[in-house]
Amino acid sequence: AKLRKLRKAIADEENIPPYVVFNDATLIEMAEQMPVSASEMLSVNGVGMRKLERFGKEFMALIRAHVDGDDEE
């Protein structure tokens, strides 16, 4: 749910549809793999260099906070 919220926030900010950021299948794979580095993120289907450079940092930070137990929800 947090990955979807982040995707929606980025999509709204960039004025693009959410699926252009990452599609649902990619978000599901992120939730399963929990990538916290660029190389781990690139191993997720649907994440290429351009999307990694454009959106990866925010998604990795969210995942890292979850893995570290820093997320509050």
PDB file of N, CA and C in Angstrom:
ATOM      1  N   ALA A   1       0.829  -1.201   0.000  1.00  0.00           N
ATOM      2  CA  ALA A   1       0.000   0.000   0.000  1.00  0.00           C
ATOM      3  C   ALA A   1       0.868   1.256   0.000  1.00  0.00           C
ATOM      4  N   LYS A   2       1.970   1.225   0.741  1.00  0.00           N
ATOM      5  CA  LYS A   2       2.846   2.397   0.787  1.00  0.00           C
ATOM      6  C   LYS A   2       3.542   2.621  -0.553  1.00  0.00           C
ATOM      7  N   LEU A   3       3.896   1.522  -1.225  1.00  0.00           N
ATOM      8  CA  LEU A   3       4.511   1.662  -2.542  1.00  0.00           C
ATOM      9  C   LEU A   3       3.523   2.296  -3.518  1.00  0.00           C
ATOM     10  N   ARG A   4       2.261   1.901  -3.437  1.00  0.00           N
ATOM     11  CA  ARG A   4       1.230   2.486  -4.311  1.00  0.00           C
ATOM     12  C   ARG A   4       1.011   3.963  -3.991  1.00  0.00           C
ATOM     13  N   LYS A   5       1.021   4.312  -2.701  1.00  0.00           N
ATOM     14  CA  LYS A   5       0.862   5.724  -2.314  1.00  0.00           C
ATOM     15  C   LYS A   5       2.007   6.556  -2.868  1.00  0.00           C
ATOM     16  N   LEU A   6       3.227   6.035  -2.751  1.00  0.00           N
ATOM     17  CA  LEU A   6       4.391   6.747  -3.271  1.00  0.00           C
ATOM     18  C   LEU A   6       4.279   6.889  -4.781  1.00  0.00           C
ATOM     19  N   ARG A   7       3.896   5.810  -5.463  1.00  0.00           N
ATOM     20  CA  ARG A   7       3.739   5.860  -6.922  1.00  0.00           C
ATOM     21  C   ARG A   7       2.722   6.932  -7.306  1.00  0.00           C
ATOM     22  N   LYS A   8       1.597   6.978  -6.595  1.00  0.00           N
ATOM     23  CA  LYS A   8       0.542   7.964  -6.891  1.00  0.00           C
ATOM     24  C   LYS A   8       1.049   9.378  -6.656  1.00  0.00           C
ATOM     25  N   ALA A   9       1.772   9.586  -5.572  1.00  0.00           N
ATOM     26  CA  ALA A   9       2.304  10.918  -5.265  1.00  0.00           C
ATOM     27  C   ALA A   9       3.276  11.377  -6.349  1.00  0.00           C
ATOM     28  N   ILE A  10       4.158  10.476  -6.784  1.00  0.00           N
ATOM     29  CA  ILE A  10       5.114  10.813  -7.842  1.00  0.00           C
ATOM     30  C   ILE A  10       4.374  11.087  -9.146  1.00  0.00           C
ATOM     31  N   ALA A  11       3.402  10.244  -9.475  1.00  0.00           N
ATOM     32  CA  ALA A  11       2.629  10.414 -10.711  1.00  0.00           C
ATOM     33  C   ALA A  11       1.913  11.763 -10.714  1.00  0.00           C
ATOM     34  N   ASP A  12       1.303  12.117  -9.591  1.00  0.00           N
ATOM     35  CA  ASP A  12       0.609  13.405  -9.495  1.00  0.00           C
ATOM     36  C   ASP A  12       1.592  14.562  -9.654  1.00  0.00           C
ATOM     37  N   GLU A  13       2.738  14.449  -8.993  1.00  0.00           N
ATOM     38  CA  GLU A  13       3.755  15.493  -9.053  1.00  0.00           C
ATOM     39  C   GLU A  13       4.301  15.659 -10.471  1.00  0.00           C
ATOM     40  N   GLU A  14       4.520  14.533 -11.154  1.00  0.00           N
ATOM     41  CA  GLU A  14       5.091  14.554 -12.506  1.00  0.00           C
ATOM     42  C   GLU A  14       4.014  14.728 -13.579  1.00  0.00           C
ATOM     43  N   ASN A  15       2.746  14.692 -13.151  1.00  0.00           N
ATOM     44  CA  ASN A  15       1.619  14.815 -14.076  1.00  0.00           C
ATOM     45  C   ASN A  15       1.610  13.694 -15.115  1.00  0.00           C
ATOM     46  N   ILE A  16       1.826  12.471 -14.645  1.00  0.00           N
ATOM     47  CA  ILE A  16       1.816  11.286 -15.507  1.00  0.00           C
ATOM     48  C   ILE A  16       0.935  10.219 -14.859  1.00  0.00           C
ATOM     49  N   PRO A  17       0.449   9.256 -15.647  1.00  0.00           N
ATOM     50  CA  PRO A  17      -0.345   8.174 -15.044  1.00  0.00           C
ATOM     51  C   PRO A  17       0.532   7.311 -14.130  1.00  0.00           C
ATOM     52  N   PRO A  18      -0.026   6.781 -13.047  1.00  0.00           N
ATOM     53  CA  PRO A  18       0.764   5.970 -12.111  1.00  0.00           C
ATOM     54  C   PRO A  18       1.498   4.795 -12.763  1.00  0.00           C
ATOM     55  N   TYR A  19       0.873   4.132 -13.758  1.00  0.00           N
ATOM     56  CA  TYR A  19       1.531   2.975 -14.373  1.00  0.00           C
ATOM     57  C   TYR A  19       2.803   3.355 -15.119  1.00  0.00           C
ATOM     58  N   VAL A  20       2.957   4.634 -15.466  1.00  0.00           N
ATOM     59  CA  VAL A  20       4.181   5.080 -16.137  1.00  0.00           C
ATOM     60  C   VAL A  20       5.347   5.090 -15.146  1.00  0.00           C
ATOM     61  N   VAL A  21       5.058   5.349 -13.874  1.00  0.00           N
ATOM     62  CA  VAL A  21       6.103   5.299 -12.844  1.00  0.00           C
ATOM     63  C   VAL A  21       6.553   3.846 -12.720  1.00  0.00           C
ATOM     64  N   PHE A  22       5.691   2.975 -12.242  1.00  0.00           N
ATOM     65  CA  PHE A  22       5.908   1.525 -12.218  1.00  0.00           C
ATOM     66  C   PHE A  22       4.538   0.876 -12.285  1.00  0.00           C
ATOM     67  N   ASN A  23       4.427  -0.240 -13.011  1.00  0.00           N
ATOM     68  CA  ASN A  23       3.125  -0.916 -13.073  1.00  0.00           C
ATOM     69  C   ASN A  23       2.906  -1.766 -11.816  1.00  0.00           C
ATOM     70  N   ASP A  24       1.687  -2.282 -11.678  1.00  0.00           N
ATOM     71  CA  ASP A  24       1.340  -3.055 -10.480  1.00  0.00           C
ATOM     72  C   ASP A  24       2.241  -4.271 -10.286  1.00  0.00           C
ATOM     73  N   ALA A  25       2.544  -4.979 -11.371  1.00  0.00           N
ATOM     74  CA  ALA A  25       3.387  -6.176 -11.269  1.00  0.00           C
ATOM     75  C   ALA A  25       4.769  -5.816 -10.723  1.00  0.00           C
ATOM     76  N   THR A  26       5.295  -4.674 -11.140  1.00  0.00           N
ATOM     77  CA  THR A  26       6.600  -4.225 -10.654  1.00  0.00           C
ATOM     78  C   THR A  26       6.528  -3.900  -9.164  1.00  0.00           C
ATOM     79  N   LEU A  27       5.459  -3.237  -8.739  1.00  0.00           N
ATOM     80  CA  LEU A  27       5.305  -2.927  -7.308  1.00  0.00           C
ATOM     81  C   LEU A  27       5.197  -4.199  -6.477  1.00  0.00           C
ATOM     82  N   ILE A  28       4.470  -5.185  -6.991  1.00  0.00           N
ATOM     83  CA  ILE A  28       4.334  -6.461  -6.277  1.00  0.00           C
ATOM     84  C   ILE A  28       5.701  -7.126  -6.132  1.00  0.00           C
ATOM     85  N   GLU A  29       6.475  -7.116  -7.221  1.00  0.00           N
ATOM     86  CA  GLU A  29       7.813  -7.721  -7.166  1.00  0.00           C
ATOM     87  C   GLU A  29       8.713  -6.952  -6.199  1.00  0.00           C
ATOM     88  N   MET A  30       8.598  -5.628  -6.176  1.00  0.00           N
ATOM     89  CA  MET A  30       9.375  -4.828  -5.213  1.00  0.00           C
ATOM     90  C   MET A  30       9.016  -5.228  -3.787  1.00  0.00           C
ATOM     91  N   ALA A  31       7.726  -5.397  -3.532  1.00  0.00           N
ATOM     92  CA  ALA A  31       7.274  -5.765  -2.186  1.00  0.00           C
ATOM     93  C   ALA A  31       7.805  -7.140  -1.787  1.00  0.00           C
ATOM     94  N   GLU A  32       7.931  -8.034  -2.763  1.00  0.00           N
ATOM     95  CA  GLU A  32       8.442  -9.379  -2.476  1.00  0.00           C
ATOM     96  C   GLU A  32       9.954  -9.381  -2.297  1.00  0.00           C
ATOM     97  N   GLN A  33      10.676  -8.650  -3.158  1.00  0.00           N
ATOM     98  CA  GLN A  33      12.143  -8.688  -3.142  1.00  0.00           C
ATOM     99  C   GLN A  33      12.770  -7.685  -2.182  1.00  0.00           C
ATOM    100  N   MET A  34      12.060  -6.608  -1.868  1.00  0.00           N
ATOM    101  CA  MET A  34      12.564  -5.558  -0.976  1.00  0.00           C
ATOM    102  C   MET A  34      13.949  -5.040  -1.388  1.00  0.00           C
ATOM    103  N   PRO A  35      14.098  -4.540  -2.615  1.00  0.00           N
ATOM    104  CA  PRO A  35      15.413  -4.057  -3.060  1.00  0.00           C
ATOM    105  C   PRO A  35      15.818  -2.769  -2.338  1.00  0.00           C
ATOM    106  N   VAL A  36      17.033  -2.739  -1.815  1.00  0.00           N
ATOM    107  CA  VAL A  36      17.517  -1.542  -1.127  1.00  0.00           C
ATOM    108  C   VAL A  36      18.791  -0.985  -1.760  1.00  0.00           C
ATOM    109  N   SER A  37      19.236  -1.582  -2.862  1.00  0.00           N
ATOM    110  CA  SER A  37      20.397  -1.067  -3.584  1.00  0.00           C
ATOM    111  C   SER A  37      20.037  -0.951  -5.057  1.00  0.00           C
ATOM    112  N   ALA A  38      20.841  -0.194  -5.795  1.00  0.00           N
ATOM    113  CA  ALA A  38      20.578  -0.008  -7.223  1.00  0.00           C
ATOM    114  C   ALA A  38      20.612  -1.342  -7.960  1.00  0.00           C
ATOM    115  N   SER A  39      21.577  -2.197  -7.654  1.00  0.00           N
ATOM    116  CA  SER A  39      21.666  -3.481  -8.361  1.00  0.00           C
ATOM    117  C   SER A  39      20.471  -4.372  -8.038  1.00  0.00           C
ATOM    118  N   GLU A  40      20.024  -4.359  -6.781  1.00  0.00           N
ATOM    119  CA  GLU A  40      18.833  -5.137  -6.417  1.00  0.00           C
ATOM    120  C   GLU A  40      17.598  -4.573  -7.115  1.00  0.00           C
ATOM    121  N   MET A  41      17.502  -3.247  -7.185  1.00  0.00           N
ATOM    122  CA  MET A  41      16.358  -2.607  -7.833  1.00  0.00           C
ATOM    123  C   MET A  41      16.325  -2.960  -9.321  1.00  0.00           C
ATOM    124  N   LEU A  42      17.482  -2.992  -9.964  1.00  0.00           N
ATOM    125  CA  LEU A  42      17.536  -3.320 -11.392  1.00  0.00           C
ATOM    126  C   LEU A  42      17.147  -4.770 -11.667  1.00  0.00           C
ATOM    127  N   SER A  43      17.213  -5.628 -10.663  1.00  0.00           N
ATOM    128  CA  SER A  43      16.833  -7.027 -10.866  1.00  0.00           C
ATOM    129  C   SER A  43      15.314  -7.210 -10.851  1.00  0.00           C
ATOM    130  N   VAL A  44      14.581  -6.175 -10.468  1.00  0.00           N
ATOM    131  CA  VAL A  44      13.115  -6.225 -10.463  1.00  0.00           C
ATOM    132  C   VAL A  44      12.615  -5.995 -11.887  1.00  0.00           C
ATOM    133  N   ASN A  45      11.728  -6.874 -12.367  1.00  0.00           N
ATOM    134  CA  ASN A  45      11.157  -6.701 -13.700  1.00  0.00           C
ATOM    135  C   ASN A  45      10.422  -5.375 -13.779  1.00  0.00           C
ATOM    136  N   GLY A  46      10.691  -4.613 -14.839  1.00  0.00           N
ATOM    137  CA  GLY A  46      10.027  -3.324 -15.023  1.00  0.00           C
ATOM    138  C   GLY A  46      10.854  -2.150 -14.545  1.00  0.00           C
ATOM    139  N   VAL A  47      12.019  -2.430 -13.967  1.00  0.00           N
ATOM    140  CA  VAL A  47      12.909  -1.359 -13.528  1.00  0.00           C
ATOM    141  C   VAL A  47      14.139  -1.366 -14.423  1.00  0.00           C
ATOM    142  N   GLY A  48      14.296  -0.310 -15.205  1.00  0.00           N
ATOM    143  CA  GLY A  48      15.477  -0.133 -16.041  1.00  0.00           C
ATOM    144  C   GLY A  48      16.278   1.045 -15.510  1.00  0.00           C
ATOM    145  N   MET A  49      17.380   1.345 -16.183  1.00  0.00           N
ATOM    146  CA  MET A  49      18.248   2.439 -15.730  1.00  0.00           C
ATOM    147  C   MET A  49      17.501   3.765 -15.650  1.00  0.00           C
ATOM    148  N   ARG A  50      16.672   4.050 -16.657  1.00  0.00           N
ATOM    149  CA  ARG A  50      15.981   5.339 -16.663  1.00  0.00           C
ATOM    150  C   ARG A  50      15.020   5.470 -15.487  1.00  0.00           C
ATOM    151  N   LYS A  51      14.244   4.416 -15.244  1.00  0.00           N
ATOM    152  CA  LYS A  51      13.299   4.468 -14.119  1.00  0.00           C
ATOM    153  C   LYS A  51      14.042   4.433 -12.788  1.00  0.00           C
ATOM    154  N   LEU A  52      15.141   3.699 -12.743  1.00  0.00           N
ATOM    155  CA  LEU A  52      15.944   3.672 -11.519  1.00  0.00           C
ATOM    156  C   LEU A  52      16.441   5.079 -11.203  1.00  0.00           C
ATOM    157  N   GLU A  53      16.991   5.755 -12.218  1.00  0.00           N
ATOM    158  CA  GLU A  53      17.527   7.098 -12.010  1.00  0.00           C
ATOM    159  C   GLU A  53      16.422   8.094 -11.677  1.00  0.00           C
ATOM    160  N   ARG A  54      15.260   7.913 -12.284  1.00  0.00           N
ATOM    161  CA  ARG A  54      14.173   8.877 -12.119  1.00  0.00           C
ATOM    162  C   ARG A  54      13.388   8.673 -10.820  1.00  0.00           C
ATOM    163  N   PHE A  55      13.111   7.416 -10.470  1.00  0.00           N
ATOM    164  CA  PHE A  55      12.223   7.138  -9.336  1.00  0.00           C
ATOM    165  C   PHE A  55      12.829   6.238  -8.260  1.00  0.00           C
ATOM    166  N   GLY A  56      13.931   5.580  -8.574  1.00  0.00           N
ATOM    167  CA  GLY A  56      14.463   4.533  -7.699  1.00  0.00           C
ATOM    168  C   GLY A  56      14.802   4.963  -6.292  1.00  0.00           C
ATOM    169  N   LYS A  57      15.395   6.134  -6.165  1.00  0.00           N
ATOM    170  CA  LYS A  57      15.861   6.584  -4.852  1.00  0.00           C
ATOM    171  C   LYS A  57      14.717   6.650  -3.837  1.00  0.00           C
ATOM    172  N   GLU A  58      13.571   7.194  -4.259  1.00  0.00           N
ATOM    173  CA  GLU A  58      12.436   7.329  -3.341  1.00  0.00           C
ATOM    174  C   GLU A  58      11.863   5.969  -2.948  1.00  0.00           C
ATOM    175  N   PHE A  59      11.789   5.056  -3.920  1.00  0.00           N
ATOM    176  CA  PHE A  59      11.250   3.725  -3.620  1.00  0.00           C
ATOM    177  C   PHE A  59      12.212   2.941  -2.729  1.00  0.00           C
ATOM    178  N   MET A  60      13.520   3.038  -3.007  1.00  0.00           N
ATOM    179  CA  MET A  60      14.493   2.335  -2.167  1.00  0.00           C
ATOM    180  C   MET A  60      14.481   2.885  -0.743  1.00  0.00           C
ATOM    181  N   ALA A  61      14.311   4.201  -0.592  1.00  0.00           N
ATOM    182  CA  ALA A  61      14.260   4.801   0.748  1.00  0.00           C
ATOM    183  C   ALA A  61      13.048   4.282   1.522  1.00  0.00           C
ATOM    184  N   LEU A  62      11.904   4.183   0.849  1.00  0.00           N
ATOM    185  CA  LEU A  62      10.695   3.671   1.493  1.00  0.00           C
ATOM    186  C   LEU A  62      10.878   2.209   1.907  1.00  0.00           C
ATOM    187  N   ILE A  63      11.447   1.415   1.014  1.00  0.00           N
ATOM    188  CA  ILE A  63      11.679  -0.005   1.309  1.00  0.00           C
ATOM    189  C   ILE A  63      12.692  -0.148   2.446  1.00  0.00           C
ATOM    190  N   ARG A  64      13.749   0.650   2.393  1.00  0.00           N
ATOM    191  CA  ARG A  64      14.781   0.592   3.440  1.00  0.00           C
ATOM    192  C   ARG A  64      14.173   0.938   4.803  1.00  0.00           C
ATOM    193  N   ALA A  65      13.315   1.947   4.849  1.00  0.00           N
ATOM    194  CA  ALA A  65      12.658   2.322   6.110  1.00  0.00           C
ATOM    195  C   ALA A  65      11.806   1.167   6.624  1.00  0.00           C
ATOM    196  N   HIS A  66      11.134   0.482   5.719  1.00  0.00           N
ATOM    197  CA  HIS A  66      10.302  -0.660   6.112  1.00  0.00           C
ATOM    198  C   HIS A  66      11.170  -1.798   6.659  1.00  0.00           C
ATOM    199  N   VAL A  67      12.249  -2.093   5.947  1.00  0.00           N
ATOM    200  CA  VAL A  67      13.158  -3.176   6.350  1.00  0.00           C
ATOM    201  C   VAL A  67      13.782  -2.860   7.713  1.00  0.00           C
ATOM    202  N   ASP A  68      14.132  -1.594   7.926  1.00  0.00           N
ATOM    203  CA  ASP A  68      14.750  -1.176   9.188  1.00  0.00           C
ATOM    204  C   ASP A  68      13.736  -1.001  10.313  1.00  0.00           C
ATOM    205  N   GLY A  69      12.447  -1.101   9.980  1.00  0.00           N
ATOM    206  CA  GLY A  69      11.412  -0.941  10.993  1.00  0.00           C
ATOM    207  C   GLY A  69      11.133   0.501  11.359  1.00  0.00           C
ATOM    208  N   ASP A  70      11.537   1.429  10.480  1.00  0.00           N
ATOM    209  CA  ASP A  70      11.347   2.851  10.765  1.00  0.00           C
ATOM    210  C   ASP A  70      10.002   3.387  10.296  1.00  0.00           C
ATOM    211  N   ASP A  71       9.270   2.608   9.504  1.00  0.00           N
ATOM    212  CA  ASP A  71       7.982   3.128   9.033  1.00  0.00           C
ATOM    213  C   ASP A  71       6.967   3.030  10.158  1.00  0.00           C
ATOM    214  N   GLU A  72       6.126   4.021  10.263  1.00  0.00           N
ATOM    215  CA  GLU A  72       5.272   4.175  11.441  1.00  0.00           C
ATOM    216  C   GLU A  72       3.897   3.542  11.343  1.00  0.00           C
ATOM    217  N   GLU A  73       3.452   3.085  10.170  1.00  0.00           N
ATOM    218  CA  GLU A  73       2.081   2.566  10.057  1.00  0.00           C
ATOM    219  C   GLU A  73       1.973   1.124  10.437  1.00  0.00           C
TER     220      GLU A  73
END
